Amino acid sequence: MKTYTKRDIDLSYMAATLDDEGCIRARLKKGNKLTVTATIQMTNIEPLELFKFYFKGSLRRKKKKTKGGLPVFRYYVSHKRAEYLLRELLPFLMIKNARANLALRILDIKLSNNGKDSKAKQKLQMAGKLNMMNSSKGGVSKLARMVMASA
């Protein structure tokens, strides 16, 4: 019989939280540099404190509240920390497993020649696909517009 460590249980719980409340997406930073982010917003701070403990990142109370007046907390991590978070949680993810895999593939593509090599278009298309997987409102982001323009 397999014994589970506290860390295994925590990672499983955090994966379920990310599956349910989280968002994995690609973003353009200044200078059109591509990064991957993981964000979770919820009214309970305790699960987000667990993310902060394991993966660092940013944990803030948002100014807006829910319609019922509850505070909203937001955990955010990007690039290397997002990569570490996704690699650690990947075995436990169910709903966002495909998104996490795609995000990790994006991060694995290393560009040379200041991002002007043949892999740049592929990386941008993958990032657009990742963001479309998250789109429930059908909105078009700056990144999606760049992907459409490069096609």
Protein backbone atom coordinates (compact mmCIF):
# COMPACT_ATOMS: atom_id res chain seq x y z
CA MET A 1 0.00 0.00 0.00
CA LYS A 2 1.35 3.41 -1.02
CA THR A 3 1.85 5.99 1.67
CA TYR A 4 1.21 9.61 0.80
CA THR A 5 3.23 12.45 2.23
CA LYS A 6 1.70 15.72 3.38
CA ARG A 7 3.26 17.29 0.29
CA ASP A 8 1.48 14.77 -2.00
CA ILE A 9 -1.83 15.58 -0.33
CA ASP A 10 -1.19 19.34 -0.52
CA LEU A 11 -0.25 19.14 -4.23
CA SER A 12 -3.38 17.12 -4.96
CA TYR A 13 -5.54 19.67 -3.12
CA MET A 14 -3.86 22.59 -4.92
CA ALA A 15 -4.36 20.88 -8.29
CA ALA A 16 -8.06 20.50 -7.55
CA THR A 17 -8.20 24.19 -6.59
CA LEU A 18 -6.43 25.21 -9.81
CA ASP A 19 -8.72 22.91 -11.82
CA ASP A 20 -11.80 24.52 -10.28
CA GLU A 21 -10.90 28.18 -9.69
CA GLY A 22 -7.73 28.80 -11.70
CA CYS A 23 -6.63 30.11 -15.06
CA ILE A 24 -3.50 29.14 -17.03
CA ARG A 25 -2.69 31.56 -19.84
CA ALA A 26 0.00 33.16 -21.94
CA ARG A 27 0.63 36.89 -21.70
CA LEU A 28 2.73 39.42 -23.50
CA LYS A 29 5.06 41.40 -21.29
CA LYS A 30 6.80 44.63 -22.18
CA GLY A 31 8.76 44.29 -25.40
CA ASN A 32 6.31 41.62 -26.64
CA LYS A 33 8.01 38.90 -24.58
CA LEU A 34 5.79 35.90 -23.98
CA THR A 35 5.25 34.48 -20.51
CA VAL A 36 2.92 31.93 -18.93
CA THR A 37 0.84 32.76 -15.87
CA ALA A 38 -1.33 30.88 -13.40
CA THR A 39 -3.98 32.83 -11.51
CA ILE A 40 -6.57 31.80 -8.94
CA GLN A 41 -9.27 34.04 -7.48
CA MET A 42 -11.54 33.03 -4.64
CA THR A 43 -13.12 34.26 -1.42
CA ASN A 44 -11.21 31.87 0.84
CA ILE A 45 -7.62 32.92 1.46
CA GLU A 46 -6.46 29.67 3.13
CA PRO A 47 -6.01 27.59 -0.07
CA LEU A 48 -4.17 30.51 -1.69
CA GLU A 49 -1.82 30.74 1.28
CA LEU A 50 -0.87 27.12 0.56
CA PHE A 51 0.05 28.10 -3.03
CA LYS A 52 2.09 31.02 -1.69
CA PHE A 53 3.91 28.70 0.73
CA TYR A 54 4.90 26.16 -1.94
CA PHE A 55 5.38 28.34 -5.02
CA LYS A 56 5.93 31.92 -3.78
CA GLY A 57 4.18 34.33 -6.18
CA SER A 58 1.79 37.15 -5.34
CA LEU A 59 -1.23 36.93 -3.02
CA ARG A 60 -3.41 40.03 -2.73
CA ARG A 61 -6.82 41.08 -1.57
CA LYS A 62 -8.66 42.71 -4.46
CA LYS A 63 -10.53 45.97 -4.04
CA LYS A 64 -13.72 44.50 -5.45
CA LYS A 65 -15.94 42.28 -3.36
CA THR A 66 -18.52 39.68 -4.30
CA LYS A 67 -22.17 40.67 -4.63
CA GLY A 68 -22.62 39.28 -1.13
CA GLY A 69 -19.88 41.57 0.22
CA LEU A 70 -17.18 38.92 0.66
CA PRO A 71 -13.54 39.84 -0.01
CA VAL A 72 -11.89 38.40 -3.13
CA PHE A 73 -8.30 37.14 -2.97
CA ARG A 74 -6.04 36.63 -5.98
CA TYR A 75 -2.96 34.43 -6.25
CA TYR A 76 -0.70 35.04 -9.27
CA VAL A 77 2.52 33.46 -10.47
CA SER A 78 4.35 33.83 -13.79
CA HIS A 79 7.17 32.45 -15.92
CA LYS A 80 9.69 30.32 -13.93
CA ARG A 81 7.46 30.07 -10.88
CA ALA A 82 4.45 29.27 -13.06
CA GLU A 83 6.54 26.60 -14.77
CA TYR A 84 7.51 25.08 -11.42
CA LEU A 85 3.89 25.18 -10.20
CA LEU A 86 2.59 23.53 -13.38
CA ARG A 87 5.27 20.80 -13.38
CA GLU A 88 4.52 19.97 -9.75
CA LEU A 89 0.73 19.96 -10.13
CA LEU A 90 0.55 18.32 -13.58
CA PRO A 91 0.25 14.72 -12.34
CA PHE A 92 -2.78 15.74 -10.24
CA LEU A 93 -4.58 18.03 -12.71
CA MET A 94 -7.70 16.68 -14.38
CA ILE A 95 -9.60 19.55 -15.99
CA LYS A 96 -6.66 21.80 -16.82
CA ASN A 97 -4.17 19.06 -17.66
CA ALA A 98 -4.14 19.83 -21.40
CA ARG A 99 -3.71 23.57 -20.72
CA ALA A 100 -0.84 22.92 -18.32
CA ASN A 101 0.86 20.63 -20.87
CA LEU A 102 0.50 23.25 -23.59
CA ALA A 103 1.81 25.99 -21.29
CA LEU A 104 4.85 23.88 -20.45
CA ARG A 105 5.49 23.18 -24.14
CA ILE A 106 5.39 26.94 -24.76
CA LEU A 107 7.94 27.50 -22.00
CA ASP A 108 10.15 24.71 -23.37
CA ILE A 109 10.57 26.49 -26.72
CA LYS A 110 13.68 28.61 -26.40
CA LEU A 111 14.00 31.36 -28.97
CA SER A 112 17.26 32.63 -30.41
CA ASN A 113 18.17 35.64 -32.53
CA ASN A 114 16.15 37.93 -30.22
CA GLY A 115 12.94 35.99 -30.89
CA LYS A 116 13.19 36.25 -34.67
CA ASP A 117 13.78 32.59 -35.43
CA SER A 118 11.40 30.08 -37.03
CA LYS A 119 10.07 28.88 -33.67
CA ALA A 120 8.66 32.31 -32.74
CA LYS A 121 5.54 31.89 -34.87
CA GLN A 122 4.96 28.38 -33.51
CA LYS A 123 5.30 29.63 -29.93
CA LEU A 124 2.91 32.51 -30.59
CA GLN A 125 0.33 30.18 -32.17
CA MET A 126 0.54 27.80 -29.21
CA ALA A 127 0.06 30.74 -26.83
CA GLY A 128 -3.00 31.87 -28.80
CA LYS A 129 -4.42 28.34 -28.60
CA LEU A 130 -3.84 28.25 -24.84
CA ASN A 131 -5.69 31.51 -24.36
CA MET A 132 -8.55 30.38 -26.59
CA MET A 133 -8.93 27.32 -24.33
CA ASN A 134 -9.62 29.78 -21.49
CA SER A 135 -11.98 32.07 -23.38
CA SER A 136 -15.56 31.73 -22.23
CA LYS A 137 -16.62 35.17 -23.43
CA GLY A 138 -15.10 34.96 -26.89
CA GLY A 139 -13.02 38.09 -26.31
CA VAL A 140 -9.92 38.67 -28.40
CA SER A 141 -6.79 39.58 -26.47
CA LYS A 142 -3.77 41.48 -27.74
CA LEU A 143 -1.98 38.14 -28.00
CA ALA A 144 -4.79 36.58 -30.05
CA ARG A 145 -4.75 39.58 -32.42
CA MET A 146 -0.99 39.11 -32.91
CA VAL A 147 -1.50 35.41 -33.69
CA MET A 148 -4.20 36.22 -36.24
CA ALA A 149 -1.98 38.87 -37.83
CA SER A 150 0.97 36.47 -38.13
CA ALA A 151 -1.11 33.75 -39.81
